Amino acid sequence: MKINTLNTLEFVSFFCTSLAISIVLVIVSAMATARAQNTRPLLNRSVLNGLYSPTAAERFFEEGRRGMEREIEIITRSRTLFS
């Protein structure tokens, strides 16, 4: 009877392990084959120029860049005046 119980436990253990491995393999293979499709149409750049509007963040950084350029110009101009 002890041999029968051991064989049953080994079988159940083997079955559960095999089931877990197969589930993991199915999930991994499904993730590998699933690809997001690009449904965004390709538009001509000239068409986009009329539709494009900068975001608030882009306007913020553009203004910051302009400010930095002004400050650099002022500093370089003052250095040429004093030298």
PDB file of N, CA and C in Angstrom:
ATOM      1  N   MET A   1       0.816  -1.186   0.000  1.00  0.00           N
ATOM      2  CA  MET A   1       0.000   0.000   0.000  1.00  0.00           C
ATOM      3  C   MET A   1       0.866   1.258   0.000  1.00  0.00           C
ATOM      4  N   LYS A   2       1.994   1.199   0.686  1.00  0.00           N
ATOM      5  CA  LYS A   2       2.883   2.342   0.736  1.00  0.00           C
ATOM      6  C   LYS A   2       3.455   2.638  -0.653  1.00  0.00           C
ATOM      7  N   ILE A   3       3.731   1.621  -1.422  1.00  0.00           N
ATOM      8  CA  ILE A   3       4.252   1.814  -2.779  1.00  0.00           C
ATOM      9  C   ILE A   3       3.192   2.473  -3.656  1.00  0.00           C
ATOM     10  N   ASN A   4       1.948   2.057  -3.514  1.00  0.00           N
ATOM     11  CA  ASN A   4       0.853   2.637  -4.282  1.00  0.00           C
ATOM     12  C   ASN A   4       0.667   4.109  -3.960  1.00  0.00           C
ATOM     13  N   THR A   5       0.741   4.460  -2.689  1.00  0.00           N
ATOM     14  CA  THR A   5       0.579   5.848  -2.269  1.00  0.00           C
ATOM     15  C   THR A   5       1.718   6.701  -2.806  1.00  0.00           C
ATOM     16  N   LEU A   6       2.930   6.182  -2.768  1.00  0.00           N
ATOM     17  CA  LEU A   6       4.089   6.909  -3.262  1.00  0.00           C
ATOM     18  C   LEU A   6       3.970   7.140  -4.760  1.00  0.00           C
ATOM     19  N   ASN A   7       3.556   6.120  -5.496  1.00  0.00           N
ATOM     20  CA  ASN A   7       3.384   6.278  -6.937  1.00  0.00           C
ATOM     21  C   ASN A   7       2.296   7.299  -7.257  1.00  0.00           C
ATOM     22  N   THR A   8       1.226   7.308  -6.481  1.00  0.00           N
ATOM     23  CA  THR A   8       0.151   8.267  -6.701  1.00  0.00           C
ATOM     24  C   THR A   8       0.643   9.678  -6.423  1.00  0.00           C
ATOM     25  N   LEU A   9       1.391   9.867  -5.343  1.00  0.00           N
ATOM     26  CA  LEU A   9       1.920  11.189  -5.020  1.00  0.00           C
ATOM     27  C   LEU A   9       2.916  11.664  -6.074  1.00  0.00           C
ATOM     28  N   GLU A  10       3.751  10.749  -6.545  1.00  0.00           N
ATOM     29  CA  GLU A  10       4.698  11.106  -7.599  1.00  0.00           C
ATOM     30  C   GLU A  10       3.957  11.489  -8.877  1.00  0.00           C
ATOM     31  N   PHE A  11       2.900  10.753  -9.203  1.00  0.00           N
ATOM     32  CA  PHE A  11       2.123  11.046 -10.391  1.00  0.00           C
ATOM     33  C   PHE A  11       1.449  12.419 -10.289  1.00  0.00           C
ATOM     34  N   VAL A  12       0.852  12.698  -9.146  1.00  0.00           N
ATOM     35  CA  VAL A  12       0.184  13.984  -8.953  1.00  0.00           C
ATOM     36  C   VAL A  12       1.203  15.115  -9.007  1.00  0.00           C
ATOM     37  N   SER A  13       2.350  14.926  -8.384  1.00  0.00           N
ATOM     38  CA  SER A  13       3.400  15.935  -8.401  1.00  0.00           C
ATOM     39  C   SER A  13       3.897  16.173  -9.825  1.00  0.00           C
ATOM     40  N   PHE A  14       4.138  15.099 -10.550  1.00  0.00           N
ATOM     41  CA  PHE A  14       4.590  15.205 -11.940  1.00  0.00           C
ATOM     42  C   PHE A  14       3.532  15.890 -12.800  1.00  0.00           C
ATOM     43  N   PHE A  15       2.260  15.540 -12.608  1.00  0.00           N
ATOM     44  CA  PHE A  15       1.176  16.114 -13.381  1.00  0.00           C
ATOM     45  C   PHE A  15       1.059  17.615 -13.124  1.00  0.00           C
ATOM     46  N   CYS A  16       1.117  18.018 -11.858  1.00  0.00           N
ATOM     47  CA  CYS A  16       1.007  19.438 -11.519  1.00  0.00           C
ATOM     48  C   CYS A  16       2.188  20.241 -12.066  1.00  0.00           C
ATOM     49  N   THR A  17       3.392  19.677 -11.954  1.00  0.00           N
ATOM     50  CA  THR A  17       4.572  20.345 -12.479  1.00  0.00           C
ATOM     51  C   THR A  17       4.477  20.495 -13.992  1.00  0.00           C
ATOM     52  N   SER A  18       4.080  19.429 -14.672  1.00  0.00           N
ATOM     53  CA  SER A  18       3.941  19.480 -16.127  1.00  0.00           C
ATOM     54  C   SER A  18       2.871  20.475 -16.547  1.00  0.00           C
ATOM     55  N   LEU A  19       1.777  20.521 -15.815  1.00  0.00           N
ATOM     56  CA  LEU A  19       0.706  21.460 -16.119  1.00  0.00           C
ATOM     57  C   LEU A  19       1.179  22.901 -15.943  1.00  0.00           C
ATOM     58  N   ALA A  20       1.897  23.156 -14.878  1.00  0.00           N
ATOM     59  CA  ALA A  20       2.406  24.507 -14.632  1.00  0.00           C
ATOM     60  C   ALA A  20       3.391  24.931 -15.718  1.00  0.00           C
ATOM     61  N   ILE A  21       4.285  24.028 -16.100  1.00  0.00           N
ATOM     62  CA  ILE A  21       5.255  24.345 -17.152  1.00  0.00           C
ATOM     63  C   ILE A  21       4.552  24.592 -18.478  1.00  0.00           C
ATOM     64  N   SER A  22       3.565  23.787 -18.801  1.00  0.00           N
ATOM     65  CA  SER A  22       2.863  23.964 -20.074  1.00  0.00           C
ATOM     66  C   SER A  22       2.072  25.275 -20.091  1.00  0.00           C
ATOM     67  N   ILE A  23       1.477  25.646 -18.985  1.00  0.00           N
ATOM     68  CA  ILE A  23       0.743  26.917 -18.916  1.00  0.00           C
ATOM     69  C   ILE A  23       1.707  28.084 -19.112  1.00  0.00           C
ATOM     70  N   VAL A  24       2.872  28.029 -18.472  1.00  0.00           N
ATOM     71  CA  VAL A  24       3.862  29.084 -18.624  1.00  0.00           C
ATOM     72  C   VAL A  24       4.325  29.169 -20.072  1.00  0.00           C
ATOM     73  N   LEU A  25       4.577  28.040 -20.706  1.00  0.00           N
ATOM     74  CA  LEU A  25       5.015  28.038 -22.100  1.00  0.00           C
ATOM     75  C   LEU A  25       3.947  28.603 -23.028  1.00  0.00           C
ATOM     76  N   VAL A  26       2.700  28.284 -22.783  1.00  0.00           N
ATOM     77  CA  VAL A  26       1.614  28.812 -23.611  1.00  0.00           C
ATOM     78  C   VAL A  26       1.510  30.322 -23.450  1.00  0.00           C
ATOM     79  N   ILE A  27       1.622  30.802 -22.231  1.00  0.00           N
ATOM     80  CA  ILE A  27       1.538  32.249 -21.991  1.00  0.00           C
ATOM     81  C   ILE A  27       2.709  32.970 -22.647  1.00  0.00           C
ATOM     82  N   VAL A  28       3.911  32.435 -22.499  1.00  0.00           N
ATOM     83  CA  VAL A  28       5.095  33.067 -23.086  1.00  0.00           C
ATOM     84  C   VAL A  28       5.008  33.071 -24.602  1.00  0.00           C
ATOM     85  N   SER A  29       4.587  31.966 -25.189  1.00  0.00           N
ATOM     86  CA  SER A  29       4.486  31.926 -26.648  1.00  0.00           C
ATOM     87  C   SER A  29       3.382  32.846 -27.153  1.00  0.00           C
ATOM     88  N   ALA A  30       2.294  32.964 -26.411  1.00  0.00           N
ATOM     89  CA  ALA A  30       1.224  33.875 -26.819  1.00  0.00           C
ATOM     90  C   ALA A  30       1.689  35.323 -26.737  1.00  0.00           C
ATOM     91  N   MET A  31       2.484  35.644 -25.729  1.00  0.00           N
ATOM     92  CA  MET A  31       3.002  37.003 -25.606  1.00  0.00           C
ATOM     93  C   MET A  31       4.001  37.300 -26.725  1.00  0.00           C
ATOM     94  N   ALA A  32       4.777  36.298 -27.104  1.00  0.00           N
ATOM     95  CA  ALA A  32       5.773  36.498 -28.155  1.00  0.00           C
ATOM     96  C   ALA A  32       5.120  36.689 -29.515  1.00  0.00           C
ATOM     97  N   THR A  33       4.005  36.015 -29.750  1.00  0.00           N
ATOM     98  CA  THR A  33       3.366  36.119 -31.062  1.00  0.00           C
ATOM     99  C   THR A  33       2.403  37.287 -31.163  1.00  0.00           C
ATOM    100  N   ALA A  34       1.937  37.789 -30.039  1.00  0.00           N
ATOM    101  CA  ALA A  34       0.983  38.905 -30.071  1.00  0.00           C
ATOM    102  C   ALA A  34       1.736  40.186 -30.365  1.00  0.00           C
ATOM    103  N   ARG A  35       1.368  40.857 -31.394  1.00  0.00           N
ATOM    104  CA  ARG A  35       1.996  42.114 -31.779  1.00  0.00           C
ATOM    105  C   ARG A  35       0.914  43.182 -31.902  1.00  0.00           C
ATOM    106  N   ALA A  36       1.239  44.364 -31.450  1.00  0.00           N
ATOM    107  CA  ALA A  36       0.303  45.473 -31.614  1.00  0.00           C
ATOM    108  C   ALA A  36       0.351  45.935 -33.057  1.00  0.00           C
ATOM    109  N   GLN A  37      -0.786  46.129 -33.641  1.00  0.00           N
ATOM    110  CA  GLN A  37      -0.834  46.548 -35.031  1.00  0.00           C
ATOM    111  C   GLN A  37      -0.832  48.061 -35.111  1.00  0.00           C
ATOM    112  N   ASN A  38      -0.132  48.554 -36.088  1.00  0.00           N
ATOM    113  CA  ASN A  38      -0.060  49.978 -36.306  1.00  0.00           C
ATOM    114  C   ASN A  38      -1.252  50.387 -37.161  1.00  0.00           C
ATOM    115  N   THR A  39      -2.269  50.934 -36.524  1.00  0.00           N
ATOM    116  CA  THR A  39      -3.469  51.322 -37.258  1.00  0.00           C
ATOM    117  C   THR A  39      -3.455  52.803 -37.607  1.00  0.00           C
ATOM    118  N   ARG A  40      -2.417  53.506 -37.215  1.00  0.00           N
ATOM    119  CA  ARG A  40      -2.313  54.927 -37.508  1.00  0.00           C
ATOM    120  C   ARG A  40      -1.932  55.105 -38.971  1.00  0.00           C
ATOM    121  N   PRO A  41      -2.694  55.848 -39.723  1.00  0.00           N
ATOM    122  CA  PRO A  41      -2.357  56.040 -41.138  1.00  0.00           C
ATOM    123  C   PRO A  41      -1.143  56.950 -41.283  1.00  0.00           C
ATOM    124  N   LEU A  42      -0.369  56.698 -42.310  1.00  0.00           N
ATOM    125  CA  LEU A  42       0.784  57.534 -42.585  1.00  0.00           C
ATOM    126  C   LEU A  42       0.317  58.761 -43.353  1.00  0.00           C
ATOM    127  N   LEU A  43       0.607  59.939 -42.796  1.00  0.00           N
ATOM    128  CA  LEU A  43       0.186  61.175 -43.434  1.00  0.00           C
ATOM    129  C   LEU A  43       1.391  61.904 -44.002  1.00  0.00           C
ATOM    130  N   ASN A  44       1.137  62.652 -45.025  1.00  0.00           N
ATOM    131  CA  ASN A  44       2.177  63.449 -45.642  1.00  0.00           C
ATOM    132  C   ASN A  44       2.595  64.562 -44.685  1.00  0.00           C
ATOM    133  N   ARG A  45       3.895  64.881 -44.651  1.00  0.00           N
ATOM    134  CA  ARG A  45       4.410  65.907 -43.746  1.00  0.00           C
ATOM    135  C   ARG A  45       3.780  67.270 -44.030  1.00  0.00           C
ATOM    136  N   SER A  46       3.527  67.586 -45.293  1.00  0.00           N
ATOM    137  CA  SER A  46       2.954  68.890 -45.624  1.00  0.00           C
ATOM    138  C   SER A  46       1.528  69.014 -45.094  1.00  0.00           C
ATOM    139  N   VAL A  47       0.818  67.893 -45.017  1.00  0.00           N
ATOM    140  CA  VAL A  47      -0.534  67.916 -44.458  1.00  0.00           C
ATOM    141  C   VAL A  47      -0.462  68.145 -42.959  1.00  0.00           C
ATOM    142  N   LEU A  48       0.500  67.520 -42.312  1.00  0.00           N
ATOM    143  CA  LEU A  48       0.633  67.656 -40.863  1.00  0.00           C
ATOM    144  C   LEU A  48       1.035  69.054 -40.440  1.00  0.00           C
ATOM    145  N   ASN A  49       1.754  69.777 -41.275  1.00  0.00           N
ATOM    146  CA  ASN A  49       2.203  71.116 -40.892  1.00  0.00           C
ATOM    147  C   ASN A  49       1.035  72.035 -40.574  1.00  0.00           C
ATOM    148  N   GLY A  50      -0.053  71.908 -41.284  1.00  0.00           N
ATOM    149  CA  GLY A  50      -1.195  72.751 -41.019  1.00  0.00           C
ATOM    150  C   GLY A  50      -1.992  72.298 -39.811  1.00  0.00           C
ATOM    151  N   LEU A  51      -1.871  71.028 -39.434  1.00  0.00           N
ATOM    152  CA  LEU A  51      -2.646  70.481 -38.329  1.00  0.00           C
ATOM    153  C   LEU A  51      -1.896  70.503 -37.003  1.00  0.00           C
ATOM    154  N   TYR A  52      -0.583  70.628 -37.073  1.00  0.00           N
ATOM    155  CA  TYR A  52       0.244  70.514 -35.879  1.00  0.00           C
ATOM    156  C   TYR A  52       0.146  71.770 -35.027  1.00  0.00           C
ATOM    157  N   SER A  53      -0.048  71.580 -33.759  1.00  0.00           N
ATOM    158  CA  SER A  53      -0.057  72.681 -32.811  1.00  0.00           C
ATOM    159  C   SER A  53       0.810  72.276 -31.627  1.00  0.00           C
ATOM    160  N   PRO A  54       1.781  73.108 -31.239  1.00  0.00           N
ATOM    161  CA  PRO A  54       2.661  72.711 -30.133  1.00  0.00           C
ATOM    162  C   PRO A  54       1.902  72.607 -28.812  1.00  0.00           C
ATOM    163  N   THR A  55       2.345  71.685 -28.001  1.00  0.00           N
ATOM    164  CA  THR A  55       1.727  71.501 -26.692  1.00  0.00           C
ATOM    165  C   THR A  55       2.236  72.564 -25.723  1.00  0.00           C
ATOM    166  N   ALA A  56       1.632  72.632 -24.570  1.00  0.00           N
ATOM    167  CA  ALA A  56       2.054  73.604 -23.561  1.00  0.00           C
ATOM    168  C   ALA A  56       3.492  73.348 -23.128  1.00  0.00           C
ATOM    169  N   ALA A  57       3.867  72.087 -23.015  1.00  0.00           N
ATOM    170  CA  ALA A  57       5.235  71.752 -22.612  1.00  0.00           C
ATOM    171  C   ALA A  57       6.228  72.206 -23.675  1.00  0.00           C
ATOM    172  N   GLU A  58       5.883  71.985 -24.949  1.00  0.00           N
ATOM    173  CA  GLU A  58       6.781  72.414 -26.019  1.00  0.00           C
ATOM    174  C   GLU A  58       6.923  73.926 -26.042  1.00  0.00           C
ATOM    175  N   ARG A  59       5.821  74.641 -25.833  1.00  0.00           N
ATOM    176  CA  ARG A  59       5.887  76.107 -25.787  1.00  0.00           C
ATOM    177  C   ARG A  59       6.724  76.574 -24.597  1.00  0.00           C
ATOM    178  N   PHE A  60       6.578  75.898 -23.450  1.00  0.00           N
ATOM    179  CA  PHE A  60       7.343  76.235 -22.253  1.00  0.00           C
ATOM    180  C   PHE A  60       8.838  76.095 -22.507  1.00  0.00           C
ATOM    181  N   PHE A  61       9.243  74.943 -23.071  1.00  0.00           N
ATOM    182  CA  PHE A  61      10.665  74.715 -23.299  1.00  0.00           C
ATOM    183  C   PHE A  61      11.208  75.602 -24.410  1.00  0.00           C
ATOM    184  N   GLU A  62      10.392  75.907 -25.398  1.00  0.00           N
ATOM    185  CA  GLU A  62      10.824  76.816 -26.458  1.00  0.00           C
ATOM    186  C   GLU A  62      11.082  78.209 -25.897  1.00  0.00           C
ATOM    187  N   GLU A  63      10.201  78.681 -25.033  1.00  0.00           N
ATOM    188  CA  GLU A  63      10.394  79.990 -24.405  1.00  0.00           C
ATOM    189  C   GLU A  63      11.631  79.979 -23.511  1.00  0.00           C
ATOM    190  N   GLY A  64      11.859  78.882 -22.800  1.00  0.00           N
ATOM    191  CA  GLY A  64      13.063  78.760 -21.983  1.00  0.00           C
ATOM    192  C   GLY A  64      14.317  78.791 -22.824  1.00  0.00           C
ATOM    193  N   ARG A  65      14.278  78.138 -23.982  1.00  0.00           N
ATOM    194  CA  ARG A  65      15.432  78.135 -24.891  1.00  0.00           C
ATOM    195  C   ARG A  65      15.690  79.549 -25.415  1.00  0.00           C
ATOM    196  N   ARG A  66      14.621  80.253 -25.776  1.00  0.00           N
ATOM    197  CA  ARG A  66      14.784  81.635 -26.247  1.00  0.00           C
ATOM    198  C   ARG A  66      15.382  82.519 -25.149  1.00  0.00           C
ATOM    199  N   GLY A  67      14.911  82.331 -23.924  1.00  0.00           N
ATOM    200  CA  GLY A  67      15.456  83.100 -22.807  1.00  0.00           C
ATOM    201  C   GLY A  67      16.934  82.833 -22.598  1.00  0.00           C
ATOM    202  N   MET A  68      17.330  81.576 -22.680  1.00  0.00           N
ATOM    203  CA  MET A  68      18.743  81.221 -22.522  1.00  0.00           C
ATOM    204  C   MET A  68      19.574  81.831 -23.646  1.00  0.00           C
ATOM    205  N   GLU A  69      19.048  81.791 -24.863  1.00  0.00           N
ATOM    206  CA  GLU A  69      19.778  82.387 -25.987  1.00  0.00           C
ATOM    207  C   GLU A  69      19.938  83.892 -25.793  1.00  0.00           C
ATOM    208  N   ARG A  70      18.902  84.571 -25.288  1.00  0.00           N
ATOM    209  CA  ARG A  70      18.996  86.010 -25.020  1.00  0.00           C
ATOM    210  C   ARG A  70      20.055  86.296 -23.963  1.00  0.00           C
ATOM    211  N   GLU A  71      20.054  85.491 -22.886  1.00  0.00           N
ATOM    212  CA  GLU A  71      21.039  85.698 -21.822  1.00  0.00           C
ATOM    213  C   GLU A  71      22.456  85.454 -22.322  1.00  0.00           C
ATOM    214  N   ILE A  72      22.633  84.425 -23.138  1.00  0.00           N
ATOM    215  CA  ILE A  72      23.971  84.147 -23.696  1.00  0.00           C
ATOM    216  C   ILE A  72      24.415  85.300 -24.577  1.00  0.00           C
ATOM    217  N   GLU A  73      23.491  85.833 -25.374  1.00  0.00           N
ATOM    218  CA  GLU A  73      23.824  86.967 -26.236  1.00  0.00           C
ATOM    219  C   GLU A  73      24.201  88.190 -25.408  1.00  0.00           C
ATOM    220  N   ILE A  74      23.475  88.465 -24.341  1.00  0.00           N
ATOM    221  CA  ILE A  74      23.779  89.606 -23.472  1.00  0.00           C
ATOM    222  C   ILE A  74      25.147  89.432 -22.831  1.00  0.00           C
ATOM    223  N   ILE A  75      25.437  88.222 -22.344  1.00  0.00           N
ATOM    224  CA  ILE A  75      26.733  87.978 -21.683  1.00  0.00           C
ATOM    225  C   ILE A  75      27.871  88.119 -22.683  1.00  0.00           C
ATOM    226  N   THR A  76      27.719  87.536 -23.866  1.00  0.00           N
ATOM    227  CA  THR A  76      28.805  87.634 -24.851  1.00  0.00           C
ATOM    228  C   THR A  76      28.976  89.072 -25.340  1.00  0.00           C
ATOM    229  N   ARG A  77      27.876  89.822 -25.467  1.00  0.00           N
ATOM    230  CA  ARG A  77      27.964  91.222 -25.884  1.00  0.00           C
ATOM    231  C   ARG A  77      28.666  92.053 -24.816  1.00  0.00           C
ATOM    232  N   SER A  78      28.338  91.796 -23.533  1.00  0.00           N
ATOM    233  CA  SER A  78      28.973  92.564 -22.459  1.00  0.00           C
ATOM    234  C   SER A  78      30.455  92.220 -22.333  1.00  0.00           C
ATOM    235  N   ARG A  79      30.832  91.005 -22.625  1.00  0.00           N
ATOM    236  CA  ARG A  79      32.245  90.633 -22.556  1.00  0.00           C
ATOM    237  C   ARG A  79      33.027  91.335 -23.670  1.00  0.00           C
ATOM    238  N   THR A  80      32.418  91.444 -24.853  1.00  0.00           N
ATOM    239  CA  THR A  80      33.123  92.124 -25.938  1.00  0.00           C
ATOM    240  C   THR A  80      33.220  93.626 -25.661  1.00  0.00           C
ATOM    241  N   LEU A  81      32.244  94.204 -24.962  1.00  0.00           N
ATOM    242  CA  LEU A  81      32.300  95.625 -24.630  1.00  0.00           C
ATOM    243  C   LEU A  81      33.371  95.932 -23.592  1.00  0.00           C
ATOM    244  N   PHE A  82      33.546  95.030 -22.610  1.00  0.00           N
ATOM    245  CA  PHE A  82      34.486  95.284 -21.520  1.00  0.00           C
ATOM    246  C   PHE A  82      35.912  94.817 -21.849  1.00  0.00           C
ATOM    247  N   SER A  83      36.099  94.117 -22.923  1.00  0.00           N
ATOM    248  CA  SER A  83      37.467  93.649 -23.197  1.00  0.00           C
ATOM    249  C   SER A  83      38.182  94.524 -24.182  1.00  0.00           C
TER     250      SER A  83
END
